[in-house]
Amino acid sequence: FSSYRMGWFRQAPGKEREFVAAISRYGSSTYYGD
């Protein structure tokens, strides 16, 4: 698990799947959708 970069996406009815957040393998870096 610690070797995987992980992310969250979301999808609302009638909309495309949207990027929400991501985190590096050790949690040192995070990224967020606007």
PDB file of all heavy atoms in Angstrom:
ATOM      1  N   PHE A   1       0.814  -1.209   0.000  1.00  0.00           N
ATOM      2  CA  PHE A   1       0.000   0.000   0.000  1.00  0.00           C
ATOM      3  C   PHE A   1       0.851   1.264   0.000  1.00  0.00           C
ATOM      4  O   PHE A   1       0.517   2.246  -0.662  1.00  0.00           O
ATOM      5  CB  PHE A   1      -0.938  -0.004   1.203  1.00  0.00           C
ATOM      6  CG  PHE A   1      -1.814   1.206   1.298  1.00  0.00           C
ATOM      7  CD1 PHE A   1      -2.867   1.389   0.428  1.00  0.00           C
ATOM      8  CD2 PHE A   1      -1.573   2.177   2.266  1.00  0.00           C
ATOM      9  CE1 PHE A   1      -3.680   2.507   0.512  1.00  0.00           C
ATOM     10  CE2 PHE A   1      -2.378   3.293   2.366  1.00  0.00           C
ATOM     11  CZ  PHE A   1      -3.437   3.460   1.484  1.00  0.00           C
ATOM     12  N   SER A   2       1.949   1.250   0.737  1.00  0.00           N
ATOM     13  CA  SER A   2       2.777   2.440   0.851  1.00  0.00           C
ATOM     14  C   SER A   2       3.450   2.822  -0.457  1.00  0.00           C
ATOM     15  O   SER A   2       3.984   3.929  -0.570  1.00  0.00           O
ATOM     16  CB  SER A   2       3.837   2.256   1.943  1.00  0.00           C
ATOM     17  OG  SER A   2       4.720   1.198   1.621  1.00  0.00           O
ATOM     18  N   SER A   3       3.447   1.944  -1.436  1.00  0.00           N
ATOM     19  CA  SER A   3       4.049   2.249  -2.728  1.00  0.00           C
ATOM     20  C   SER A   3       3.050   2.836  -3.717  1.00  0.00           C
ATOM     21  O   SER A   3       3.427   3.173  -4.841  1.00  0.00           O
ATOM     22  CB  SER A   3       4.688   0.995  -3.335  1.00  0.00           C
ATOM     23  OG  SER A   3       3.711   0.043  -3.698  1.00  0.00           O
ATOM     24  N   TYR A   4       1.778   2.984  -3.311  1.00  0.00           N
ATOM     25  CA  TYR A   4       0.736   3.462  -4.209  1.00  0.00           C
ATOM     26  C   TYR A   4       0.417   4.928  -3.947  1.00  0.00           C
ATOM     27  O   TYR A   4       0.245   5.343  -2.802  1.00  0.00           O
ATOM     28  CB  TYR A   4      -0.559   2.666  -4.033  1.00  0.00           C
ATOM     29  CG  TYR A   4      -0.424   1.171  -4.116  1.00  0.00           C
ATOM     30  CD1 TYR A   4      -1.307   0.353  -3.417  1.00  0.00           C
ATOM     31  CD2 TYR A   4       0.564   0.575  -4.884  1.00  0.00           C
ATOM     32  CE1 TYR A   4      -1.203  -1.021  -3.493  1.00  0.00           C
ATOM     33  CE2 TYR A   4       0.676  -0.801  -4.955  1.00  0.00           C
ATOM     34  CZ  TYR A   4      -0.219  -1.594  -4.259  1.00  0.00           C
ATOM     35  OH  TYR A   4      -0.111  -2.968  -4.330  1.00  0.00           O
ATOM     36  N   ARG A   5       0.310   5.691  -5.019  1.00  0.00           N
ATOM     37  CA  ARG A   5      -0.286   7.006  -4.929  1.00  0.00           C
ATOM     38  C   ARG A   5      -1.801   6.823  -4.955  1.00  0.00           C
ATOM     39  O   ARG A   5      -2.331   6.072  -5.777  1.00  0.00           O
ATOM     40  CB  ARG A   5       0.169   7.901  -6.080  1.00  0.00           C
ATOM     41  CG  ARG A   5      -0.360   9.315  -6.001  1.00  0.00           C
ATOM     42  CD  ARG A   5       0.393  10.232  -6.938  1.00  0.00           C
ATOM     43  NE  ARG A   5       0.224   9.841  -8.332  1.00  0.00           N
ATOM     44  CZ  ARG A   5       0.876  10.403  -9.336  1.00  0.00           C
ATOM     45  NH1 ARG A   5       1.761  11.373  -9.099  1.00  0.00           N
ATOM     46  NH2 ARG A   5       0.669   9.988 -10.578  1.00  0.00           N
ATOM     47  N   MET A   6      -2.500   7.495  -4.057  1.00  0.00           N
ATOM     48  CA  MET A   6      -3.935   7.306  -3.908  1.00  0.00           C
ATOM     49  C   MET A   6      -4.697   8.572  -4.268  1.00  0.00           C
ATOM     50  O   MET A   6      -4.205   9.686  -4.089  1.00  0.00           O
ATOM     51  CB  MET A   6      -4.281   6.900  -2.478  1.00  0.00           C
ATOM     52  CG  MET A   6      -3.575   5.643  -1.990  1.00  0.00           C
ATOM     53  SD  MET A   6      -4.074   4.161  -2.916  1.00  0.00           S
ATOM     54  CE  MET A   6      -5.825   4.082  -2.505  1.00  0.00           C
ATOM     55  N   GLY A   7      -5.920   8.378  -4.743  1.00  0.00           N
ATOM     56  CA  GLY A   7      -6.740   9.516  -5.117  1.00  0.00           C
ATOM     57  C   GLY A   7      -8.206   9.304  -4.807  1.00  0.00           C
ATOM     58  O   GLY A   7      -8.657   8.181  -4.581  1.00  0.00           O
ATOM     59  N   TRP A   8      -8.944  10.408  -4.785  1.00  0.00           N
ATOM     60  CA  TRP A   8     -10.401  10.398  -4.656  1.00  0.00           C
ATOM     61  C   TRP A   8     -10.995  11.128  -5.850  1.00  0.00           C
ATOM     62  O   TRP A   8     -10.523  12.204  -6.236  1.00  0.00           O
ATOM     63  CB  TRP A   8     -10.858  11.095  -3.374  1.00  0.00           C
ATOM     64  CG  TRP A   8     -10.671  10.308  -2.122  1.00  0.00           C
ATOM     65  CD1 TRP A   8      -9.633  10.364  -1.255  1.00  0.00           C
ATOM     66  CD2 TRP A   8     -11.584   9.343  -1.581  1.00  0.00           C
ATOM     67  NE1 TRP A   8      -9.821   9.505  -0.211  1.00  0.00           N
ATOM     68  CE2 TRP A   8     -11.024   8.859  -0.378  1.00  0.00           C
ATOM     69  CE3 TRP A   8     -12.826   8.848  -1.992  1.00  0.00           C
ATOM     70  CZ2 TRP A   8     -11.650   7.905   0.415  1.00  0.00           C
ATOM     71  CZ3 TRP A   8     -13.450   7.894  -1.203  1.00  0.00           C
ATOM     72  CH2 TRP A   8     -12.856   7.434  -0.020  1.00  0.00           C
ATOM     73  N   PHE A   9     -12.027  10.547  -6.430  1.00  0.00           N
ATOM     74  CA  PHE A   9     -12.803  11.154  -7.493  1.00  0.00           C
ATOM     75  C   PHE A   9     -14.266  11.138  -7.094  1.00  0.00           C
ATOM     76  O   PHE A   9     -14.672  10.409  -6.191  1.00  0.00           O
ATOM     77  CB  PHE A   9     -12.624  10.394  -8.814  1.00  0.00           C
ATOM     78  CG  PHE A   9     -11.293  10.589  -9.476  1.00  0.00           C
ATOM     79  CD1 PHE A   9     -10.146  10.016  -8.950  1.00  0.00           C
ATOM     80  CD2 PHE A   9     -11.180  11.346 -10.631  1.00  0.00           C
ATOM     81  CE1 PHE A   9      -8.915  10.186  -9.556  1.00  0.00           C
ATOM     82  CE2 PHE A   9      -9.955  11.521 -11.261  1.00  0.00           C
ATOM     83  CZ  PHE A   9      -8.822  10.945 -10.719  1.00  0.00           C
ATOM     84  N   ARG A  10     -15.071  11.917  -7.792  1.00  0.00           N
ATOM     85  CA  ARG A  10     -16.503  11.891  -7.556  1.00  0.00           C
ATOM     86  C   ARG A  10     -17.236  12.057  -8.875  1.00  0.00           C
ATOM     87  O   ARG A  10     -16.719  12.636  -9.834  1.00  0.00           O
ATOM     88  CB  ARG A  10     -16.932  12.976  -6.572  1.00  0.00           C
ATOM     89  CG  ARG A  10     -16.769  14.404  -7.094  1.00  0.00           C
ATOM     90  CD  ARG A  10     -17.083  15.400  -5.993  1.00  0.00           C
ATOM     91  NE  ARG A  10     -17.019  16.778  -6.462  1.00  0.00           N
ATOM     92  CZ  ARG A  10     -17.162  17.842  -5.679  1.00  0.00           C
ATOM     93  NH1 ARG A  10     -17.386  17.683  -4.373  1.00  0.00           N
ATOM     94  NH2 ARG A  10     -17.088  19.067  -6.194  1.00  0.00           N
ATOM     95  N   GLN A  11     -18.457  11.548  -8.914  1.00  0.00           N
ATOM     96  CA  GLN A  11     -19.266  11.642 -10.113  1.00  0.00           C
ATOM     97  C   GLN A  11     -20.724  11.870  -9.724  1.00  0.00           C
ATOM     98  O   GLN A  11     -21.330  11.051  -9.039  1.00  0.00           O
ATOM     99  CB  GLN A  11     -19.139  10.381 -10.966  1.00  0.00           C
ATOM    100  CG  GLN A  11     -19.792  10.493 -12.328  1.00  0.00           C
ATOM    101  CD  GLN A  11     -19.333   9.398 -13.275  1.00  0.00           C
ATOM    102  OE1 GLN A  11     -18.868   8.351 -12.852  1.00  0.00           O
ATOM    103  NE2 GLN A  11     -19.459   9.645 -14.566  1.00  0.00           N
ATOM    104  N   ALA A  12     -21.263  12.990 -10.172  1.00  0.00           N
ATOM    105  CA  ALA A  12     -22.653  13.326  -9.947  1.00  0.00           C
ATOM    106  C   ALA A  12     -23.476  12.909 -11.159  1.00  0.00           C
ATOM    107  O   ALA A  12     -22.941  12.770 -12.265  1.00  0.00           O
ATOM    108  CB  ALA A  12     -22.796  14.826  -9.699  1.00  0.00           C
ATOM    109  N   PRO A  13     -24.777  12.711 -10.984  1.00  0.00           N
ATOM    110  CA  PRO A  13     -25.626  12.317 -12.110  1.00  0.00           C
ATOM    111  C   PRO A  13     -25.522  13.293 -13.272  1.00  0.00           C
ATOM    112  O   PRO A  13     -25.629  14.507 -13.085  1.00  0.00           O
ATOM    113  CB  PRO A  13     -27.032  12.320 -11.510  1.00  0.00           C
ATOM    114  CG  PRO A  13     -26.810  12.049 -10.063  1.00  0.00           C
ATOM    115  CD  PRO A  13     -25.533  12.766  -9.726  1.00  0.00           C
ATOM    116  N   GLY A  14     -25.292  12.768 -14.461  1.00  0.00           N
ATOM    117  CA  GLY A  14     -25.203  13.599 -15.644  1.00  0.00           C
ATOM    118  C   GLY A  14     -23.901  14.350 -15.814  1.00  0.00           C
ATOM    119  O   GLY A  14     -23.775  15.142 -16.752  1.00  0.00           O
ATOM    120  N   LYS A  15     -22.928  14.121 -14.939  1.00  0.00           N
ATOM    121  CA  LYS A  15     -21.652  14.815 -15.015  1.00  0.00           C
ATOM    122  C   LYS A  15     -20.508  13.813 -15.159  1.00  0.00           C
ATOM    123  O   LYS A  15     -20.648  12.637 -14.851  1.00  0.00           O
ATOM    124  CB  LYS A  15     -21.433  15.679 -13.773  1.00  0.00           C
ATOM    125  CG  LYS A  15     -22.461  16.777 -13.578  1.00  0.00           C
ATOM    126  CD  LYS A  15     -22.170  17.606 -12.347  1.00  0.00           C
ATOM    127  CE  LYS A  15     -20.873  18.375 -12.472  1.00  0.00           C
ATOM    128  NZ  LYS A  15     -20.618  19.240 -11.286  1.00  0.00           N
ATOM    129  N   GLU A  16     -19.376  14.316 -15.633  1.00  0.00           N
ATOM    130  CA  GLU A  16     -18.199  13.482 -15.774  1.00  0.00           C
ATOM    131  C   GLU A  16     -17.542  13.247 -14.418  1.00  0.00           C
ATOM    132  O   GLU A  16     -17.736  14.018 -13.475  1.00  0.00           O
ATOM    133  CB  GLU A  16     -17.198  14.133 -16.725  1.00  0.00           C
ATOM    134  CG  GLU A  16     -17.693  14.304 -18.151  1.00  0.00           C
ATOM    135  CD  GLU A  16     -16.655  14.936 -19.052  1.00  0.00           C
ATOM    136  OE1 GLU A  16     -15.563  15.286 -18.557  1.00  0.00           O
ATOM    137  OE2 GLU A  16     -16.922  15.068 -20.251  1.00  0.00           O
ATOM    138  N   ARG A  17     -16.769  12.177 -14.352  1.00  0.00           N
ATOM    139  CA  ARG A  17     -16.042  11.904 -13.119  1.00  0.00           C
ATOM    140  C   ARG A  17     -15.016  13.010 -12.882  1.00  0.00           C
ATOM    141  O   ARG A  17     -14.245  13.367 -13.779  1.00  0.00           O
ATOM    142  CB  ARG A  17     -15.363  10.543 -13.192  1.00  0.00           C
ATOM    143  CG  ARG A  17     -14.781  10.074 -11.861  1.00  0.00           C
ATOM    144  CD  ARG A  17     -14.456   8.581 -11.883  1.00  0.00           C
ATOM    145  NE  ARG A  17     -15.650   7.776 -12.076  1.00  0.00           N
ATOM    146  CZ  ARG A  17     -15.695   6.460 -11.931  1.00  0.00           C
ATOM    147  NH1 ARG A  17     -14.600   5.795 -11.579  1.00  0.00           N
ATOM    148  NH2 ARG A  17     -16.818   5.800 -12.142  1.00  0.00           N
ATOM    149  N   GLU A  18     -14.994  13.549 -11.675  1.00  0.00           N
ATOM    150  CA  GLU A  18     -14.216  14.726 -11.339  1.00  0.00           C
ATOM    151  C   GLU A  18     -13.139  14.397 -10.310  1.00  0.00           C
ATOM    152  O   GLU A  18     -13.396  13.720  -9.318  1.00  0.00           O
ATOM    153  CB  GLU A  18     -15.142  15.824 -10.796  1.00  0.00           C
ATOM    154  CG  GLU A  18     -14.438  17.082 -10.316  1.00  0.00           C
ATOM    155  CD  GLU A  18     -15.381  18.036  -9.612  1.00  0.00           C
ATOM    156  OE1 GLU A  18     -16.446  17.579  -9.142  1.00  0.00           O
ATOM    157  OE2 GLU A  18     -15.067  19.239  -9.538  1.00  0.00           O
ATOM    158  N   PHE A  19     -11.949  14.927 -10.530  1.00  0.00           N
ATOM    159  CA  PHE A  19     -10.858  14.766  -9.572  1.00  0.00           C
ATOM    160  C   PHE A  19     -11.144  15.548  -8.308  1.00  0.00           C
ATOM    161  O   PHE A  19     -11.528  16.719  -8.361  1.00  0.00           O
ATOM    162  CB  PHE A  19      -9.543  15.232 -10.190  1.00  0.00           C
ATOM    163  CG  PHE A  19      -8.411  15.309  -9.215  1.00  0.00           C
ATOM    164  CD1 PHE A  19      -7.796  14.155  -8.757  1.00  0.00           C
ATOM    165  CD2 PHE A  19      -7.953  16.535  -8.752  1.00  0.00           C
ATOM    166  CE1 PHE A  19      -6.748  14.217  -7.853  1.00  0.00           C
ATOM    167  CE2 PHE A  19      -6.908  16.606  -7.855  1.00  0.00           C
ATOM    168  CZ  PHE A  19      -6.305  15.441  -7.405  1.00  0.00           C
ATOM    169  N   VAL A  20     -10.932  14.921  -7.164  1.00  0.00           N
ATOM    170  CA  VAL A  20     -11.171  15.559  -5.878  1.00  0.00           C
ATOM    171  C   VAL A  20      -9.870  15.813  -5.131  1.00  0.00           C
ATOM    172  O   VAL A  20      -9.582  16.940  -4.724  1.00  0.00           O
ATOM    173  CB  VAL A  20     -12.116  14.712  -5.002  1.00  0.00           C
ATOM    174  CG1 VAL A  20     -12.252  15.325  -3.607  1.00  0.00           C
ATOM    175  CG2 VAL A  20     -13.480  14.590  -5.663  1.00  0.00           C
ATOM    176  N   ALA A  21      -9.075  14.757  -4.938  1.00  0.00           N
ATOM    177  CA  ALA A  21      -7.850  14.888  -4.155  1.00  0.00           C
ATOM    178  C   ALA A  21      -6.927  13.718  -4.439  1.00  0.00           C
ATOM    179  O   ALA A  21      -7.356  12.652  -4.882  1.00  0.00           O
ATOM    180  CB  ALA A  21      -8.161  14.962  -2.657  1.00  0.00           C
ATOM    181  N   ALA A  22      -5.641  13.913  -4.162  1.00  0.00           N
ATOM    182  CA  ALA A  22      -4.650  12.855  -4.300  1.00  0.00           C
ATOM    183  C   ALA A  22      -3.583  13.030  -3.235  1.00  0.00           C
ATOM    184  O   ALA A  22      -3.381  14.124  -2.709  1.00  0.00           O
ATOM    185  CB  ALA A  22      -4.017  12.869  -5.697  1.00  0.00           C
ATOM    186  N   ILE A  23      -2.888  11.937  -2.936  1.00  0.00           N
ATOM    187  CA  ILE A  23      -1.853  11.961  -1.917  1.00  0.00           C
ATOM    188  C   ILE A  23      -0.707  11.052  -2.331  1.00  0.00           C
ATOM    189  O   ILE A  23      -0.919   9.973  -2.889  1.00  0.00           O
ATOM    190  CB  ILE A  23      -2.432  11.552  -0.536  1.00  0.00           C
ATOM    191  CG1 ILE A  23      -1.407  11.772   0.580  1.00  0.00           C
ATOM    192  CG2 ILE A  23      -2.930  10.110  -0.567  1.00  0.00           C
ATOM    193  CD1 ILE A  23      -2.030  11.678   1.969  1.00  0.00           C
ATOM    194  N   SER A  24       0.519  11.492  -2.072  1.00  0.00           N
ATOM    195  CA  SER A  24       1.695  10.707  -2.412  1.00  0.00           C
ATOM    196  C   SER A  24       1.800   9.489  -1.502  1.00  0.00           C
ATOM    197  O   SER A  24       1.085   9.361  -0.507  1.00  0.00           O
ATOM    198  CB  SER A  24       2.955  11.567  -2.314  1.00  0.00           C
ATOM    199  OG  SER A  24       3.126  12.070  -1.003  1.00  0.00           O
ATOM    200  N   ARG A  25       2.720   8.587  -1.825  1.00  0.00           N
ATOM    201  CA  ARG A  25       2.751   7.298  -1.147  1.00  0.00           C
ATOM    202  C   ARG A  25       3.007   7.387   0.349  1.00  0.00           C
ATOM    203  O   ARG A  25       2.510   6.557   1.118  1.00  0.00           O
ATOM    204  CB  ARG A  25       3.781   6.382  -1.809  1.00  0.00           C
ATOM    205  CG  ARG A  25       5.209   6.905  -1.792  1.00  0.00           C
ATOM    206  CD  ARG A  25       6.138   5.903  -2.450  1.00  0.00           C
ATOM    207  NE  ARG A  25       7.536   6.316  -2.388  1.00  0.00           N
ATOM    208  CZ  ARG A  25       8.552   5.543  -2.745  1.00  0.00           C
ATOM    209  NH1 ARG A  25       8.326   4.315  -3.195  1.00  0.00           N
ATOM    210  NH2 ARG A  25       9.797   6.014  -2.654  1.00  0.00           N
ATOM    211  N   TYR A  26       3.756   8.366   0.793  1.00  0.00           N
ATOM    212  CA  TYR A  26       4.024   8.524   2.218  1.00  0.00           C
ATOM    213  C   TYR A  26       3.254   9.693   2.835  1.00  0.00           C
ATOM    214  O   TYR A  26       3.426   9.999   4.017  1.00  0.00           O
ATOM    215  CB  TYR A  26       5.514   8.699   2.476  1.00  0.00           C
ATOM    216  CG  TYR A  26       6.318   7.468   2.125  1.00  0.00           C
ATOM    217  CD1 TYR A  26       7.295   7.503   1.134  1.00  0.00           C
ATOM    218  CD2 TYR A  26       6.096   6.266   2.787  1.00  0.00           C
ATOM    219  CE1 TYR A  26       8.024   6.370   0.812  1.00  0.00           C
ATOM    220  CE2 TYR A  26       6.823   5.128   2.466  1.00  0.00           C
ATOM    221  CZ  TYR A  26       7.789   5.186   1.476  1.00  0.00           C
ATOM    222  OH  TYR A  26       8.510   4.055   1.163  1.00  0.00           O
ATOM    223  N   GLY A  27       2.419  10.328   2.052  1.00  0.00           N
ATOM    224  CA  GLY A  27       1.597  11.405   2.561  1.00  0.00           C
ATOM    225  C   GLY A  27       2.271  12.753   2.636  1.00  0.00           C
ATOM    226  O   GLY A  27       1.700  13.692   3.203  1.00  0.00           O
ATOM    227  N   SER A  28       3.451  12.880   2.072  1.00  0.00           N
ATOM    228  CA  SER A  28       4.176  14.139   2.163  1.00  0.00           C
ATOM    229  C   SER A  28       3.622  15.213   1.238  1.00  0.00           C
ATOM    230  O   SER A  28       3.824  16.401   1.481  1.00  0.00           O
ATOM    231  CB  SER A  28       5.657  13.920   1.862  1.00  0.00           C
ATOM    232  OG  SER A  28       5.843  13.362   0.569  1.00  0.00           O
ATOM    233  N   SER A  29       2.913  14.801   0.180  1.00  0.00           N
ATOM    234  CA  SER A  29       2.349  15.748  -0.778  1.00  0.00           C
ATOM    235  C   SER A  29       0.880  15.448  -0.988  1.00  0.00           C
ATOM    236  O   SER A  29       0.485  14.288  -1.110  1.00  0.00           O
ATOM    237  CB  SER A  29       3.087  15.682  -2.114  1.00  0.00           C
ATOM    238  OG  SER A  29       4.459  16.017  -1.965  1.00  0.00           O
ATOM    239  N   THR A  30       0.073  16.498  -1.047  1.00  0.00           N
ATOM    240  CA  THR A  30      -1.354  16.365  -1.317  1.00  0.00           C
ATOM    241  C   THR A  30      -1.764  17.324  -2.414  1.00  0.00           C
ATOM    242  O   THR A  30      -1.143  18.372  -2.609  1.00  0.00           O
ATOM    243  CB  THR A  30      -2.197  16.627  -0.062  1.00  0.00           C
ATOM    244  OG1 THR A  30      -1.899  17.941   0.443  1.00  0.00           O
ATOM    245  CG2 THR A  30      -1.891  15.599   1.015  1.00  0.00           C
ATOM    246  N   TYR A  31      -2.840  16.980  -3.116  1.00  0.00           N
ATOM    247  CA  TYR A  31      -3.330  17.765  -4.234  1.00  0.00           C
ATOM    248  C   TYR A  31      -4.850  17.784  -4.177  1.00  0.00           C
ATOM    249  O   TYR A  31      -5.483  16.795  -3.802  1.00  0.00           O
ATOM    250  CB  TYR A  31      -2.858  17.169  -5.563  1.00  0.00           C
ATOM    251  CG  TYR A  31      -1.389  16.831  -5.585  1.00  0.00           C
ATOM    252  CD1 TYR A  31      -0.943  15.601  -5.125  1.00  0.00           C
ATOM    253  CD2 TYR A  31      -0.448  17.738  -6.056  1.00  0.00           C
ATOM    254  CE1 TYR A  31       0.408  15.280  -5.132  1.00  0.00           C
ATOM    255  CE2 TYR A  31       0.896  17.428  -6.068  1.00  0.00           C
ATOM    256  CZ  TYR A  31       1.330  16.199  -5.607  1.00  0.00           C
ATOM    257  OH  TYR A  31       2.673  15.889  -5.617  1.00  0.00           O
ATOM    258  N   TYR A  32      -5.446  18.908  -4.584  1.00  0.00           N
ATOM    259  CA  TYR A  32      -6.892  19.065  -4.500  1.00  0.00           C
ATOM    260  C   TYR A  32      -7.448  19.721  -5.746  1.00  0.00           C
ATOM    261  O   TYR A  32      -6.817  20.580  -6.358  1.00  0.00           O
ATOM    262  CB  TYR A  32      -7.275  19.904  -3.286  1.00  0.00           C
ATOM    263  CG  TYR A  32      -6.866  19.284  -1.980  1.00  0.00           C
ATOM    264  CD1 TYR A  32      -5.662  19.622  -1.378  1.00  0.00           C
ATOM    265  CD2 TYR A  32      -7.680  18.351  -1.347  1.00  0.00           C
ATOM    266  CE1 TYR A  32      -5.276  19.045  -0.181  1.00  0.00           C
ATOM    267  CE2 TYR A  32      -7.302  17.771  -0.150  1.00  0.00           C
ATOM    268  CZ  TYR A  32      -6.092  18.120   0.428  1.00  0.00           C
ATOM    269  OH  TYR A  32      -5.713  17.541   1.614  1.00  0.00           O
ATOM    270  N   GLY A  33      -8.652  19.306  -6.108  1.00  0.00           N
ATOM    271  CA  GLY A  33      -9.355  19.984  -7.164  1.00  0.00           C
ATOM    272  C   GLY A  33      -9.809  21.361  -6.711  1.00  0.00           C
ATOM    273  O   GLY A  33     -10.018  21.603  -5.520  1.00  0.00           O
ATOM    274  N   ASP A  34      -9.968  22.267  -7.665  1.00  0.00           N
ATOM    275  CA  ASP A  34     -10.321  23.641  -7.327  1.00  0.00           C
ATOM    276  C   ASP A  34     -11.636  23.742  -6.555  1.00  0.00           C
ATOM    277  O   ASP A  34     -11.792  24.614  -5.699  1.00  0.00           O
ATOM    278  CB  ASP A  34     -10.401  24.487  -8.598  1.00  0.00           C
ATOM    279  CG  ASP A  34      -9.048  24.723  -9.237  1.00  0.00           C
ATOM    280  OD1 ASP A  34      -8.028  24.593  -8.536  1.00  0.00           O
ATOM    281  OD2 ASP A  34      -9.015  25.050 -10.435  1.00  0.00           O
TER     282      ASP A  34
END
